[in-house]
Protein backbone atom coordinates (compact mmCIF):
# COMPACT_ATOMS: atom_id res chain seq x y z
CA MET A 1 251.03 89.06 116.16
CA SER A 2 251.57 90.96 119.15
CA LYS A 3 253.42 89.30 122.24
CA TYR A 4 251.37 88.78 125.55
CA SER A 5 253.37 90.32 128.38
CA PHE A 6 254.34 88.68 131.68
CA LYS A 7 257.31 91.22 132.33
CA ASN A 8 255.50 93.00 135.08
CA ASP A 9 252.30 93.87 137.04
CA TYR A 10 252.13 97.42 135.75
CA SER A 11 251.73 96.86 131.93
CA GLU A 12 247.80 97.50 131.90
CA GLY A 13 246.63 100.98 132.80
CA ALA A 14 244.15 100.87 136.04
CA HIS A 15 241.27 98.92 137.21
CA PRO A 16 237.93 100.08 135.39
CA GLN A 17 236.44 101.15 139.10
CA ILE A 18 239.48 103.36 139.61
CA LEU A 19 238.86 104.92 136.14
CA GLU A 20 235.31 105.37 136.85
CA ALA A 21 236.00 107.03 139.82
CA PHE A 22 238.44 109.62 138.15
CA THR A 23 235.41 110.35 135.78
CA THR A 24 232.66 111.03 138.32
CA THR A 25 234.90 113.22 140.47
CA ASN A 26 236.59 114.98 137.57
CA PHE A 27 234.88 118.33 137.99
CA ASP A 28 234.71 118.40 141.72
CA GLN A 29 236.84 121.44 143.09
CA GLN A 30 239.02 120.34 145.82
CA ASN A 31 242.15 121.54 147.70
CA GLY A 32 245.74 120.23 146.59
CA TYR A 33 248.72 118.59 148.06
CA CYS A 34 246.63 115.54 149.42
CA ASP A 35 244.27 117.87 151.45
CA ASP A 36 241.19 117.02 149.38
CA ASP A 37 238.22 115.00 150.40
CA TYR A 38 239.27 111.96 148.74
CA SER A 39 242.74 111.76 150.18
CA LEU A 40 241.36 112.43 153.61
CA GLU A 41 239.02 109.65 153.38
CA ALA A 42 241.40 107.26 152.03
CA ILE A 43 243.88 108.23 154.93
CA GLU A 44 240.84 107.38 157.36
CA PHE A 45 240.32 103.96 155.36
CA ILE A 46 243.78 103.08 155.62
CA ARG A 47 244.08 103.90 159.43
CA SER A 48 240.91 101.62 159.90
CA LYS A 49 242.47 98.74 158.03
CA ILE A 50 245.56 98.88 160.01
CA GLN A 51 243.80 99.63 163.43
CA ASN A 52 245.97 102.70 164.16
CA PRO A 53 244.00 105.85 164.32
CA ASN A 54 247.32 107.93 165.00
CA ALA A 55 249.30 106.55 161.89
CA GLY A 56 250.97 108.99 159.52
CA VAL A 57 249.55 108.15 156.13
CA PHE A 58 251.19 110.05 152.92
CA PHE A 59 250.85 109.41 149.32
CA LEU A 60 253.41 109.87 146.27
CA SER A 61 253.88 108.56 142.82
CA GLY A 62 256.32 105.66 143.31
CA GLY A 63 258.35 102.85 145.26
CA THR A 64 261.56 104.32 144.71
CA GLN A 65 260.68 107.59 146.03
CA ALA A 66 259.05 106.06 148.96
CA ASN A 67 262.12 104.28 149.77
CA LEU A 68 264.24 107.05 149.53
CA ILE A 69 262.17 109.62 151.40
CA VAL A 70 261.39 107.28 154.09
CA ILE A 71 265.12 106.22 155.01
CA ALA A 72 266.50 109.62 154.32
CA ALA A 73 263.72 111.14 156.84
CA MET A 74 264.69 108.40 159.44
CA LEU A 75 268.54 108.46 159.23
CA ARG A 76 271.27 110.81 160.34
CA PRO A 77 274.01 111.03 157.84
CA PHE A 78 276.55 108.61 159.37
CA GLU A 79 273.61 106.03 159.79
CA SER A 80 273.21 102.91 157.53
CA VAL A 81 270.60 100.60 156.42
CA ILE A 82 270.58 96.74 156.67
CA ALA A 83 269.22 95.08 153.55
CA ALA A 84 269.15 91.74 151.63
CA ASN A 85 271.39 91.71 148.51
CA THR A 86 268.29 91.25 146.48
CA GLY A 87 266.49 94.30 148.04
CA HIS A 88 265.17 96.75 145.50
CA ILE A 89 267.20 99.58 147.38
CA ASN A 90 270.37 97.58 146.58
CA ILE A 91 269.80 96.65 143.00
CA HIS A 92 267.25 98.55 141.12
CA GLU A 93 266.98 102.19 142.33
CA THR A 94 270.30 103.66 140.71
CA GLY A 95 272.04 104.04 144.01
CA ALA A 96 269.19 106.38 145.32
CA ILE A 97 269.89 105.62 148.75
CA GLU A 98 273.79 106.07 148.49
CA ALA A 99 273.07 109.19 146.88
CA VAL A 100 271.57 110.76 150.02
CA GLY A 101 274.56 109.57 151.81
CA HIS A 102 273.52 106.18 153.46
CA LYS A 103 275.55 103.05 153.06
CA ILE A 104 273.61 99.93 152.35
CA ASN A 105 274.84 96.84 154.44
CA GLN A 106 274.17 94.01 152.20
CA ILE A 107 273.32 90.48 153.51
CA PHE A 108 273.63 87.63 150.85
CA THR A 109 270.22 85.65 151.09
CA THR A 110 269.15 82.60 149.03
CA ASP A 111 265.53 83.32 149.34
CA GLY A 112 265.49 87.36 149.77
CA LYS A 113 264.56 87.23 153.49
CA LEU A 114 266.73 88.56 156.28
CA LYS A 115 267.28 86.64 159.29
CA PRO A 116 267.57 88.04 162.87
CA SER A 117 271.07 86.53 163.20
CA ASP A 118 272.13 88.34 159.83
CA ILE A 119 270.86 91.68 161.33
CA GLN A 120 272.67 91.04 164.71
CA ASN A 121 275.88 90.27 162.68
CA VAL A 122 275.78 93.30 161.12
CA VAL A 123 275.43 95.35 164.34
CA ASP A 124 278.08 93.51 166.08
CA GLU A 125 280.57 94.10 163.26
CA HIS A 126 279.92 97.82 163.30
CA GLU A 127 280.55 98.24 167.00
CA ASN A 128 284.02 97.27 166.80
CA ASP A 129 285.45 100.62 165.73
CA PRO A 130 283.29 103.60 166.39
CA PRO A 131 283.27 106.24 165.13
CA HIS A 132 285.34 104.89 162.05
CA MET A 133 282.37 102.89 160.79
CA VAL A 134 278.79 103.71 159.79
CA LYS A 135 276.16 102.92 162.43
CA PRO A 136 273.38 100.54 161.23
CA LYS A 137 270.00 102.24 162.26
CA LEU A 138 267.34 100.81 159.89
CA VAL A 139 266.42 97.32 158.70
CA TYR A 140 264.90 97.44 155.10
CA ILE A 141 262.61 94.44 154.34
CA SER A 142 260.26 93.64 151.11
CA ASN A 143 257.20 91.66 151.33
CA SER A 144 256.75 90.11 148.95
CA THR A 145 260.26 90.01 148.30
CA GLU A 146 262.19 90.84 145.05
CA ILE A 147 262.15 86.83 144.35
CA GLY A 148 258.56 86.28 145.11
CA THR A 149 258.88 84.66 148.46
CA ILE A 150 257.25 86.16 151.77
CA TYR A 151 257.74 86.68 155.34
CA LEU A 152 255.44 84.59 157.81
CA LYS A 153 254.36 85.96 161.07
CA ASN A 154 256.86 84.42 163.36
CA GLU A 155 259.79 85.76 161.04
CA ILE A 156 258.42 89.34 161.10
CA ALA A 157 258.12 89.06 164.74
CA ALA A 158 261.58 88.10 165.44
CA ILE A 159 263.01 90.51 163.12
CA SER A 160 261.19 92.97 165.05
CA ASN A 161 262.38 91.55 168.43
CA VAL A 162 266.11 92.00 167.18
CA CYS A 163 265.43 95.48 165.87
CA LYS A 164 264.07 96.72 169.07
CA ALA A 165 267.20 95.03 170.97
CA ASN A 166 269.45 96.99 169.17
CA ASN A 167 267.34 100.34 168.74
CA LEU A 168 267.04 99.86 164.96
CA TYR A 169 264.02 101.14 162.93
CA LEU A 170 261.77 98.50 160.92
CA PHE A 171 260.88 99.30 157.56
CA MET A 172 259.00 97.27 154.92
CA ASP A 173 258.92 97.87 151.03
CA GLY A 174 255.21 96.95 150.22
CA ALA A 175 255.29 97.40 146.36
CA ARG A 176 253.74 93.79 146.29
CA LEU A 177 252.18 93.80 149.78
CA ALA A 178 248.79 92.97 148.57
CA SER A 179 250.31 89.79 146.79
CA ALA A 180 251.91 88.62 149.97
CA LEU A 181 249.05 89.30 152.19
CA THR A 182 246.63 87.31 149.76
CA SER A 183 248.97 84.60 149.10
CA GLU A 184 247.65 81.02 150.18
CA LYS A 185 250.87 80.60 152.41
CA ASN A 186 250.40 84.07 154.19
CA ASP A 187 249.63 83.92 157.87
CA ILE A 188 249.75 87.59 159.06
CA THR A 189 247.17 90.43 158.60
CA LEU A 190 247.85 93.96 157.76
CA ILE A 191 246.79 94.89 161.23
CA GLU A 192 249.36 92.48 162.84
CA LEU A 193 251.90 93.48 160.43
CA SER A 194 251.65 97.19 161.16
CA LYS A 195 252.18 96.71 164.81
CA TYR A 196 255.71 95.43 164.21
CA LEU A 197 256.93 98.01 161.58
CA ASP A 198 258.05 101.71 162.16
CA ALA A 199 257.06 102.49 158.62
CA LEU A 200 255.81 100.74 155.59
CA TYR A 201 254.39 101.45 152.15
CA ILE A 202 251.29 100.25 150.70
CA GLY A 203 251.81 99.66 146.94
CA GLY A 204 249.31 100.76 144.38
CA THR A 205 251.04 100.95 141.07
CA LYS A 206 251.88 97.18 141.09
CA ASN A 207 248.09 96.24 142.01
CA GLY A 208 245.81 97.97 139.60
CA GLY A 209 246.46 101.42 140.35
CA LEU A 210 247.26 104.26 137.74
CA ILE A 211 250.14 105.31 139.84
CA GLY A 212 250.99 105.94 143.49
CA GLU A 213 251.99 104.45 146.83
CA ALA A 214 250.83 105.08 150.55
CA ILE A 215 253.46 105.50 153.06
CA VAL A 216 252.28 104.43 156.46
CA ILE A 217 254.37 105.76 159.61
CA ASN A 218 253.56 104.10 162.85
CA ASN A 219 256.64 105.66 164.84
CA PRO A 220 255.22 108.91 165.92
CA ASP A 221 258.62 110.52 166.21
CA PHE A 222 258.54 110.87 162.03
CA ILE A 223 255.05 111.78 161.59
CA ALA A 224 255.02 115.92 162.17
CA ASP A 225 257.99 116.76 159.85
CA PHE A 226 257.49 113.94 157.08
CA PRO A 227 255.40 116.53 154.87
CA TYR A 228 258.47 118.56 154.68
CA HIS A 229 260.75 115.96 153.46
CA LEU A 230 258.03 115.01 150.82
CA LYS A 231 257.92 118.65 149.80
CA GLN A 232 261.66 119.14 149.81
CA ARG A 233 262.33 116.00 147.46
CA GLY A 234 259.33 116.83 144.98
CA ALA A 235 257.08 114.10 146.09
CA LEU A 236 254.05 116.51 147.37
CA LEU A 237 251.89 116.36 144.29
CA GLY A 238 249.61 119.35 143.69
CA LYS A 239 246.85 117.11 142.33
CA GLY A 240 247.06 114.99 145.25
CA ARG A 241 243.59 113.67 144.64
CA VAL A 242 244.82 111.40 142.24
CA PHE A 243 246.37 109.30 144.81
CA GLY A 244 243.46 109.87 147.20
CA ILE A 245 240.67 108.79 144.88
CA GLN A 246 242.51 105.54 144.02
CA PHE A 247 243.49 104.62 147.66
CA ARG A 248 239.79 105.49 148.47
CA GLU A 249 238.61 102.89 146.06
CA PHE A 250 241.23 100.31 147.16
CA PHE A 251 240.32 100.31 150.78
CA ARG A 252 236.58 101.41 150.72
CA GLU A 253 236.05 97.94 150.39
CA ASN A 254 238.05 95.03 149.70
CA LEU A 255 239.31 95.86 146.03
CA TYR A 256 242.89 96.04 146.95
CA PHE A 257 242.90 92.38 148.04
CA GLU A 258 240.53 91.13 145.26
CA LEU A 259 243.04 92.33 142.60
CA ALA A 260 245.91 90.76 144.28
CA ALA A 261 244.17 87.34 144.93
CA HIS A 262 243.57 87.33 141.12
CA ALA A 263 246.99 87.84 140.29
CA ASN A 264 248.19 85.17 142.82
CA LYS A 265 245.60 82.54 141.39
CA MET A 266 247.09 83.24 137.77
CA ALA A 267 250.57 82.77 139.00
CA GLN A 268 249.80 79.62 140.71
CA LYS A 269 247.95 78.15 137.65
CA LEU A 270 251.39 78.88 135.76
CA THR A 271 253.30 77.08 138.46
CA LYS A 272 251.19 74.06 138.37
CA GLY A 273 251.48 73.98 134.67
CA ILE A 274 255.13 74.48 134.51
CA THR A 275 255.68 71.84 137.55
CA ASP A 276 253.66 69.16 135.66
CA ALA A 277 255.80 69.84 132.57
CA GLY A 278 258.76 68.56 134.65
CA TYR A 279 260.56 72.01 135.19
CA SER A 280 262.00 73.53 138.55
CA PHE A 281 261.98 77.07 140.20
CA LEU A 282 264.66 79.52 141.59
CA SER A 283 262.41 80.27 144.48
CA ASP A 284 259.26 78.83 146.32
CA SER A 285 257.23 81.74 145.38
CA PRO A 286 253.41 81.83 146.49
CA THR A 287 252.96 85.35 145.15
CA ASN A 288 252.65 86.63 141.46
CA GLN A 289 256.15 86.56 140.59
CA ILE A 290 257.61 83.04 139.79
CA PHE A 291 260.98 82.39 138.29
CA PRO A 292 261.23 79.09 136.31
CA ILE A 293 264.33 77.49 135.10
CA PHE A 294 263.91 76.68 131.18
CA PRO A 295 266.36 75.22 128.69
CA ASN A 296 267.75 78.29 126.46
CA LYS A 297 266.26 76.82 123.59
CA ILE A 298 262.87 76.84 125.10
CA ILE A 299 263.21 80.45 126.35
CA GLU A 300 264.11 81.57 122.91
CA GLU A 301 260.98 79.80 121.66
CA LEU A 302 258.63 81.16 124.25
CA SER A 303 260.17 84.72 123.64
CA LEU A 304 258.39 84.63 120.09
CA LYS A 305 254.92 84.80 121.75
CA TYR A 306 255.49 86.25 125.24
CA GLU A 307 257.31 88.97 126.86
CA PHE A 308 259.26 88.19 130.00
CA TYR A 309 262.70 89.07 131.65
CA VAL A 310 265.47 86.43 131.63
CA TRP A 311 266.50 86.70 135.30
CA ALA A 312 269.80 84.86 135.61
CA LYS A 313 271.82 82.46 133.97
CA VAL A 314 272.01 78.92 135.49
CA ASP A 315 274.57 77.33 133.17
CA ASP A 316 275.45 77.50 129.53
CA GLU A 317 272.36 75.51 128.79
CA ASN A 318 269.72 76.90 131.14
CA SER A 319 268.54 80.13 132.46
CA VAL A 320 265.99 81.58 134.98
CA ILE A 321 263.25 83.73 133.82
CA ARG A 322 260.51 85.92 135.42
CA LEU A 323 257.08 85.75 134.90
CA VAL A 324 254.70 88.20 136.46
CA THR A 325 250.96 88.26 136.83
CA SER A 326 248.68 91.17 137.46
CA TRP A 327 244.98 92.00 138.16
CA ALA A 328 244.34 91.97 134.52
CA THR A 329 246.20 88.71 133.51
CA LYS A 330 243.81 86.62 131.13
CA GLU A 331 243.38 83.14 132.31
CA GLU A 332 243.40 82.12 128.61
CA ALA A 333 246.84 83.74 128.27
CA VAL A 334 247.94 81.50 131.11
CA ASN A 335 246.34 78.29 129.50
CA GLN A 336 247.96 79.03 126.23
CA PHE A 337 251.51 79.55 127.64
CA VAL A 338 251.29 76.24 129.36
CA GLU A 339 250.26 74.75 126.26
CA ASP A 340 252.94 76.49 124.17
CA LEU A 341 255.65 75.11 126.86
């Protein structure tokens, strides 16, 4: 019997509407390098969604590529990035940021989120001995975070204020942005969010796309030269239409948010079942990643029928696992997991 996977939100291929769009446009001849009709239309849809007609919108294949290229494009060699210790750039990107010459100033957090005081402390610490220390210049945040939590509007506003006060750029990793924005606890819109950020990327890979992310640059200082950075780092895809077709389908109506809403609904159903069974969680996650704490014996039994990551050891007898739901997660699989538990 094959196992049902809760390992990630990209185990399946792509939403049928996207696959149909690929098929119906397959024989259309188009320009390359995201200068095709589909990509240009998708760019205008995204600009409309964020209400910024001057935003730079660029497509590429994946999140690590997006983080690397944005950060490298915005920083000089001696400038550094402030990030939570749980940040994807810090623990899951094989030193990509360091490989292009930028130190990551790690801040330990219990909820995956940065606070303005954390950022200010890093800035103050690095002003004591110039030019012998790196110069913090960019703040990296994830929404939703790597442990499923989200930033509220007042938190984003406060971080934006401390960044502006210290002449720092603010960049958001949006691999699971759709899940954050459709969370029942979310109180910020994509329009409002974009006004606070110098740059972000809108994740497609983890929200029903076949492949691809959309980088959105709101700071005009970096728009004109950004295509050079994409090309130099191998991210300017000849068949850019692959990205354009997907993001046109995402944002032509509300597909992008509908898919994430389903993933969140399935995760919250899991959360309720696990809570009702008497178990606790590593974090208070209202998104599609949840982190229950189970006895190791139960984890071993569940692993016979389900795939998931063992996230961290709690003690000799208990561990945290990560369960991730997607646009395609079946409700009957969720019900069965709870029943098996």
